[in-house]
Amino acid sequence: MASPKLSVIIPVHNESANIAPLCERLLPVLNRITPDWEVIFVDDGSRDDTLDLIRGVSRAEPRIGAVSFSRNFGKEIAIAAGLDHARGDAVVIMDADLQHPPEMIEAFVERWQQGFLMVYGQRTDRSDETRTKRGFAQVFYKLFARFGEIPLPEGAGDFRLIDRKGVDALRTLGEKARFSKGLYAWIGFKATGVPFVVEERRFGTTKWSFRKLFRFAFDGIAAFSTVPLRIWTYIGFLISFLAIATAIFFTVRTLLFGTDLPGFPSLIVSVMFFSGIQLMSLGIVGEYVGRIFAEVKRRPLYVVAERVGGAAEVSSDIVPDNYRMRRV
């Protein structure tokens, strides 16, 4: 099969209600752009009939295919699998819940034809989110900009178009603790943003709880910075300085005024405080050690249970060494 010009990767997890509405809006857009396109759904261990609906759509339109995981591996891994299977000259990544308007793909392609190798959707409004979520998002981006290896474009997410050169570069990155937003920026290439407004989710509920978002944010910081490790070094020096200063203070006080009855509550508070500091620092070190452990095991990023349609064949135009370790 000849290489299609445009590939669209759509990670899905229990999105059965959104498959038909998405295809109704997406396919006319792709047909207006080019007849050479493919859509690859990556089923991330759905427990509903998402995959059955995709099979039905694929029978009616052979340019639609799917890769189904053996279990839930997470959205970041699903994106990596989609990049492995996409064969287009340009690859679009988008969500299935229609919060990413399919009509924006035309604007992405226009920017791509102008010479940009990375075109990302840049959301202009976060009024649909709670004040707490917006606040934590602002804190995360400020921390990443301050301590991360590379800056992240404000408002940019996974909704984007990536040229084949960028796709090939991303496929060489076999790390397991993936933070795709950071990887997009890390590979570089000429990039530009296209403003868009996130639409309301029509069916289903978001899969991103506050706990998952917090974990995802920490993964992003840990994957692109060693500052969390260095912070505890600084805290250790500070506590040591305070301890020496306190010892000098009590020594001088004892020499001048004599001893007094030591306070038991203050002793307990001090022990608990420093114990907490030690446990927190060990926890941060453990997070990094855990990531090292996950990498050295060299397990595959994902396991494919089923492929649907010809559009889900593995791309073989570039097969780096680390990719060989995770092909299935």
Protein backbone atom coordinates (compact mmCIF):
# COMPACT_ATOMS: atom_id res chain seq x y z
CA MET A 1 0.00 0.00 0.00
CA ALA A 2 1.34 3.41 -0.98
CA SER A 3 2.24 5.77 1.82
CA PRO A 4 -0.74 8.04 2.61
CA LYS A 5 -0.15 11.74 2.74
CA LEU A 6 -1.92 12.37 6.06
CA SER A 7 -2.31 10.15 9.12
CA VAL A 8 -4.58 10.87 12.07
CA ILE A 9 -3.89 9.18 15.43
CA ILE A 10 -6.76 9.00 17.92
CA PRO A 11 -6.20 7.34 21.32
CA VAL A 12 -9.47 5.97 22.72
CA HIS A 13 -10.49 4.47 26.04
CA ASN A 14 -14.18 3.71 26.58
CA GLU A 15 -15.22 6.24 23.93
CA SER A 16 -17.97 4.23 22.21
CA ALA A 17 -20.45 7.13 22.26
CA ASN A 18 -17.99 9.43 20.47
CA ILE A 19 -16.83 7.18 17.59
CA ALA A 20 -19.73 7.87 15.21
CA PRO A 21 -19.99 11.65 15.86
CA LEU A 22 -16.24 11.98 15.47
CA CYS A 23 -16.16 10.15 12.13
CA GLU A 24 -19.09 12.21 10.85
CA ARG A 25 -17.07 15.41 11.35
CA LEU A 26 -13.57 14.10 10.69
CA LEU A 27 -13.95 12.23 7.39
CA PRO A 28 -15.36 15.17 5.37
CA VAL A 29 -12.45 17.31 6.59
CA LEU A 30 -9.89 14.72 5.50
CA ASN A 31 -11.55 14.26 2.12
CA ARG A 32 -11.38 18.00 1.53
CA ILE A 33 -7.66 18.02 2.29
CA THR A 34 -6.51 14.95 0.37
CA PRO A 35 -7.75 11.55 -0.81
CA ASP A 36 -4.58 10.01 0.62
CA TRP A 37 -5.31 9.75 4.33
CA GLU A 38 -5.62 7.19 7.09
CA VAL A 39 -7.12 7.21 10.56
CA ILE A 40 -5.61 5.03 13.26
CA PHE A 41 -7.56 4.53 16.46
CA VAL A 42 -5.44 3.26 19.35
CA ASP A 43 -7.74 1.35 21.70
CA ASP A 44 -6.16 1.64 25.13
CA GLY A 45 -7.83 -1.37 26.74
CA SER A 46 -11.43 -0.20 26.44
CA ARG A 47 -14.00 -2.21 28.40
CA ASP A 48 -17.02 -1.11 26.37
CA ASP A 49 -17.82 -1.73 22.69
CA THR A 50 -15.44 0.94 21.37
CA LEU A 51 -13.40 -1.56 19.36
CA ASP A 52 -16.52 -3.22 17.91
CA LEU A 53 -17.73 0.14 16.62
CA ILE A 54 -14.33 0.86 15.09
CA ARG A 55 -14.44 -2.53 13.34
CA GLY A 56 -17.77 -1.57 11.80
CA VAL A 57 -16.46 1.79 10.64
CA SER A 58 -13.34 0.12 9.21
CA ARG A 59 -15.42 -2.29 7.14
CA ALA A 60 -17.23 0.66 5.57
CA GLU A 61 -14.06 2.75 5.14
CA PRO A 62 -10.81 0.76 4.68
CA ARG A 63 -8.70 3.84 5.35
CA ILE A 64 -9.74 3.59 9.00
CA GLY A 65 -7.89 1.10 11.18
CA ALA A 66 -7.19 0.40 14.82
CA VAL A 67 -4.53 -0.94 17.13
CA SER A 68 -5.96 -2.57 20.24
CA PHE A 69 -3.84 -3.00 23.37
CA SER A 70 -4.00 -6.09 25.56
CA ARG A 71 -4.74 -3.83 28.54
CA ASN A 72 -4.75 -0.18 29.51
CA PHE A 73 -1.24 1.27 29.08
CA GLY A 74 -2.14 4.96 29.26
CA LYS A 75 -2.62 7.75 26.76
CA GLU A 76 1.07 8.61 26.44
CA ILE A 77 1.88 5.05 25.40
CA ALA A 78 -1.11 5.02 23.05
CA ILE A 79 0.30 8.07 21.28
CA ALA A 80 3.67 6.31 20.93
CA ALA A 81 1.94 3.28 19.41
CA GLY A 82 0.06 5.48 16.97
CA LEU A 83 3.32 7.07 15.83
CA ASP A 84 4.78 3.58 15.31
CA HIS A 85 1.89 2.67 12.99
CA ALA A 86 1.36 5.97 11.16
CA ARG A 87 2.73 6.09 7.61
CA GLY A 88 1.75 9.56 6.47
CA ASP A 89 4.00 12.40 5.41
CA ALA A 90 2.35 14.31 8.25
CA VAL A 91 0.69 12.93 11.37
CA VAL A 92 -2.12 14.57 13.34
CA ILE A 93 -2.74 13.62 16.98
CA MET A 94 -6.16 14.39 18.44
CA ASP A 95 -8.63 13.23 21.10
CA ALA A 96 -11.82 11.32 20.35
CA ASP A 97 -14.16 13.40 22.53
CA LEU A 98 -14.52 16.22 19.94
CA GLN A 99 -12.95 18.75 22.28
CA HIS A 100 -10.33 18.98 19.54
CA PRO A 101 -12.29 20.33 16.54
CA PRO A 102 -11.53 18.21 13.44
CA GLU A 103 -11.95 21.31 11.27
CA MET A 104 -8.72 22.68 12.74
CA ILE A 105 -6.77 20.05 10.81
CA GLU A 106 -7.16 22.14 7.65
CA ALA A 107 -5.42 25.05 9.35
CA PHE A 108 -2.69 22.67 10.58
CA VAL A 109 -2.07 21.42 7.05
CA GLU A 110 -1.88 24.99 5.72
CA ARG A 111 0.84 25.84 8.24
CA TRP A 112 2.63 22.59 7.43
CA GLN A 113 2.63 23.43 3.71
CA GLN A 114 4.15 26.80 4.63
CA GLY A 115 7.20 24.99 6.00
CA PHE A 116 6.42 24.38 9.69
CA LEU A 117 7.32 20.84 10.79
CA MET A 118 5.34 21.05 14.05
CA VAL A 119 1.92 22.73 14.20
CA TYR A 120 0.16 22.63 17.55
CA GLY A 121 -3.28 23.68 18.68
CA GLN A 122 -2.98 26.49 21.22
CA ARG A 123 -6.01 26.78 23.46
CA THR A 124 -7.02 30.36 24.14
CA ASP A 125 -9.56 29.86 26.91
CA ARG A 126 -9.62 27.73 30.09
CA SER A 127 -12.96 28.97 31.39
CA ASP A 128 -14.33 25.42 31.17
CA GLU A 129 -11.94 24.31 33.92
CA THR A 130 -12.29 24.85 37.64
CA ARG A 131 -10.31 27.61 39.31
CA THR A 132 -8.26 25.02 41.19
CA LYS A 133 -7.31 23.19 37.99
CA ARG A 134 -6.38 26.42 36.23
CA GLY A 135 -4.27 27.45 39.20
CA PHE A 136 -2.34 24.18 39.30
CA ALA A 137 -1.84 24.33 35.53
CA GLN A 138 -0.30 27.79 35.82
CA VAL A 139 1.97 26.65 38.64
CA PHE A 140 3.10 23.63 36.61
CA TYR A 141 3.98 25.62 33.50
CA LYS A 142 5.85 28.20 35.57
CA LEU A 143 7.84 25.48 37.32
CA PHE A 144 8.58 23.73 34.03
CA ALA A 145 9.67 26.99 32.42
CA ARG A 146 11.93 27.74 35.39
CA PHE A 147 13.47 24.33 35.98
CA GLY A 148 12.83 22.26 32.84
CA GLU A 149 15.38 21.63 30.11
CA ILE A 150 13.23 23.31 27.47
CA PRO A 151 10.29 25.74 27.49
CA LEU A 152 6.78 24.52 26.68
CA PRO A 153 4.53 26.65 24.45
CA GLU A 154 1.72 28.06 26.58
CA GLY A 155 -1.63 26.41 25.87
CA ALA A 156 -0.15 23.67 23.70
CA GLY A 157 -1.27 20.07 24.16
CA ASP A 158 -1.38 16.82 22.23
CA PHE A 159 -3.60 18.26 19.48
CA ARG A 160 -1.03 18.88 16.76
CA LEU A 161 0.41 18.00 13.37
CA ILE A 162 3.92 16.56 13.16
CA ASP A 163 5.96 16.22 9.99
CA ARG A 164 7.45 12.81 9.13
CA LYS A 165 10.88 14.04 10.24
CA GLY A 166 9.49 14.78 13.68
CA VAL A 167 7.63 11.45 13.82
CA ASP A 168 10.81 9.54 12.99
CA ALA A 169 12.66 11.45 15.70
CA LEU A 170 9.96 10.70 18.30
CA ARG A 171 10.03 7.01 17.41
CA THR A 172 13.67 6.79 18.42
CA LEU A 173 12.74 7.83 21.99
CA GLY A 174 11.89 4.61 23.79
CA GLU A 175 11.58 5.92 27.35
CA LYS A 176 8.70 4.51 29.39
CA ALA A 177 7.88 7.48 31.66
CA ARG A 178 6.71 9.54 28.71
CA PHE A 179 5.72 13.18 28.84
CA SER A 180 4.76 13.80 25.24
CA LYS A 181 4.43 17.58 25.53
CA GLY A 182 8.04 17.74 26.62
CA LEU A 183 9.17 15.31 23.91
CA TYR A 184 7.51 17.42 21.20
CA ALA A 185 9.49 20.44 22.36
CA TRP A 186 12.69 18.46 22.94
CA ILE A 187 13.05 17.25 19.34
CA GLY A 188 12.93 20.83 18.15
CA PHE A 189 12.06 21.62 14.50
CA LYS A 190 10.31 24.72 13.22
CA ALA A 191 7.01 25.05 15.10
CA THR A 192 4.00 27.34 15.24
CA GLY A 193 0.71 27.46 17.12
CA VAL A 194 -2.85 27.78 15.86
CA PRO A 195 -5.31 29.24 18.41
CA PHE A 196 -8.49 27.28 19.02
CA VAL A 197 -11.30 27.02 21.57
CA VAL A 198 -11.78 23.69 23.30
CA GLU A 199 -15.31 22.44 22.68
CA GLU A 200 -17.49 20.85 25.33
CA ARG A 201 -17.30 17.11 25.72
CA ARG A 202 -20.52 15.70 24.30
CA PHE A 203 -20.49 12.15 25.63
CA GLY A 204 -18.74 10.32 28.43
CA THR A 205 -16.55 11.71 31.16
CA THR A 206 -12.91 12.70 31.32
CA LYS A 207 -10.43 9.97 32.24
CA TRP A 208 -8.09 12.48 33.92
CA SER A 209 -8.76 12.67 37.65
CA PHE A 210 -6.92 15.19 39.81
CA ARG A 211 -4.64 12.42 41.09
CA LYS A 212 -3.72 11.36 37.53
CA LEU A 213 -3.09 14.96 36.51
CA PHE A 214 -0.82 15.51 39.51
CA ARG A 215 1.10 12.34 38.72
CA PHE A 216 1.37 13.35 35.07
CA ALA A 217 2.71 16.78 36.04
CA PHE A 218 5.30 15.21 38.33
CA ASP A 219 6.34 12.83 35.55
CA GLY A 220 6.87 15.85 33.30
CA ILE A 221 9.08 17.63 35.83
CA ALA A 222 11.04 14.47 36.67
CA ALA A 223 11.55 13.53 33.01
CA PHE A 224 13.06 16.88 32.05
CA SER A 225 14.73 18.12 35.20
CA THR A 226 16.83 16.94 38.14
CA VAL A 227 15.82 19.94 40.24
CA PRO A 228 13.66 17.83 42.62
CA LEU A 229 16.85 15.97 43.57
CA ARG A 230 18.92 19.12 43.93
CA ILE A 231 16.26 20.80 46.09
CA TRP A 232 16.80 18.28 48.86
CA THR A 233 20.52 18.90 48.72
CA TYR A 234 19.85 22.57 49.34
CA ILE A 235 17.37 21.76 52.10
CA GLY A 236 19.96 19.47 53.71
CA PHE A 237 22.53 22.27 53.74
CA LEU A 238 19.96 24.70 55.16
CA ILE A 239 18.93 22.33 57.95
CA SER A 240 22.57 21.61 58.79
CA PHE A 241 23.27 25.35 59.00
CA LEU A 242 20.25 25.87 61.25
CA ALA A 243 21.30 22.96 63.44
CA ILE A 244 24.82 24.39 63.88
CA ALA A 245 23.41 27.84 64.58
CA THR A 246 20.99 26.38 67.15
CA ALA A 247 23.80 24.42 68.82
CA ILE A 248 25.92 27.56 69.11
CA PHE A 249 22.96 29.50 70.51
CA PHE A 250 22.24 26.95 73.25
CA THR A 251 25.93 26.57 74.08
CA VAL A 252 26.32 30.31 74.61
CA ARG A 253 23.04 30.48 76.53
CA THR A 254 24.12 27.64 78.82
CA LEU A 255 27.48 29.27 79.53
CA LEU A 256 25.85 32.62 80.37
CA PHE A 257 22.63 31.61 82.12
CA GLY A 258 23.00 27.95 82.98
CA THR A 259 20.72 25.07 81.97
CA ASP A 260 16.97 25.01 82.17
CA LEU A 261 14.40 22.23 81.95
CA PRO A 262 14.30 20.92 78.36
CA GLY A 263 10.90 20.96 76.68
CA PHE A 264 9.53 17.57 75.75
CA PRO A 265 6.95 18.87 73.19
CA SER A 266 9.60 20.81 71.28
CA LEU A 267 11.75 17.67 71.16
CA ILE A 268 8.92 15.60 69.72
CA VAL A 269 8.07 18.27 67.14
CA SER A 270 11.71 18.48 66.07
CA VAL A 271 12.01 14.71 65.70
CA MET A 272 8.80 14.49 63.67
CA PHE A 273 9.80 17.43 61.47
CA PHE A 274 13.23 16.07 60.56
CA SER A 275 11.84 12.56 60.11
CA GLY A 276 9.34 13.97 57.61
CA ILE A 277 12.13 15.79 55.77
CA GLN A 278 14.13 12.58 55.53
CA LEU A 279 11.18 10.54 54.27
CA MET A 280 10.27 13.15 51.67
CA SER A 281 13.84 13.31 50.39
CA LEU A 282 14.01 9.51 50.22
CA GLY A 283 10.70 9.53 48.35
CA ILE A 284 12.05 11.90 45.70
CA VAL A 285 15.18 9.80 45.28
CA GLY A 286 12.97 6.71 45.10
CA GLU A 287 10.93 8.23 42.26
CA TYR A 288 14.05 8.64 40.16
CA VAL A 289 15.39 5.20 41.10
CA GLY A 290 12.03 3.69 40.17
CA ARG A 291 12.25 5.28 36.73
CA ILE A 292 15.74 3.88 36.27
CA PHE A 293 14.47 0.44 37.29
CA ALA A 294 11.62 0.63 34.79
CA GLU A 295 13.99 1.58 31.98
CA VAL A 296 16.63 -1.09 32.61
CA LYS A 297 14.04 -3.89 32.53
CA ARG A 298 13.62 -3.08 28.82
CA ARG A 299 10.06 -4.32 28.61
CA PRO A 300 8.11 -3.30 25.49
CA LEU A 301 6.17 -0.07 25.70
CA TYR A 302 2.92 -1.83 24.84
CA VAL A 303 1.44 -5.17 23.80
CA VAL A 304 -0.91 -5.31 20.82
CA ALA A 305 -3.83 -7.72 21.12
CA GLU A 306 -5.38 -6.98 17.72
CA ARG A 307 -4.96 -4.85 14.63
CA VAL A 308 -7.98 -3.76 12.61
CA GLY A 309 -7.76 -2.76 8.96
CA GLY A 310 -4.82 -2.21 6.64
CA ALA A 311 -4.27 1.26 8.05
CA ALA A 312 -2.92 -0.30 11.24
CA GLU A 313 0.15 -1.93 9.72
CA VAL A 314 3.42 -1.10 11.47
CA SER A 315 5.43 1.56 9.71
CA SER A 316 8.83 0.15 8.71
CA ASP A 317 10.49 3.12 7.06
CA ILE A 318 12.67 3.61 10.15
CA VAL A 319 13.46 0.93 12.73
CA PRO A 320 15.96 2.19 15.34
CA ASP A 321 17.57 -0.23 17.77
CA ASN A 322 15.40 0.68 20.74
CA TYR A 323 12.28 0.34 18.57
CA ARG A 324 13.21 -3.26 17.79
CA MET A 325 12.98 -3.97 21.49
CA ARG A 326 9.34 -2.89 21.62
CA ARG A 327 7.92 -4.13 18.35
CA VAL A 328 5.20 -6.74 18.71
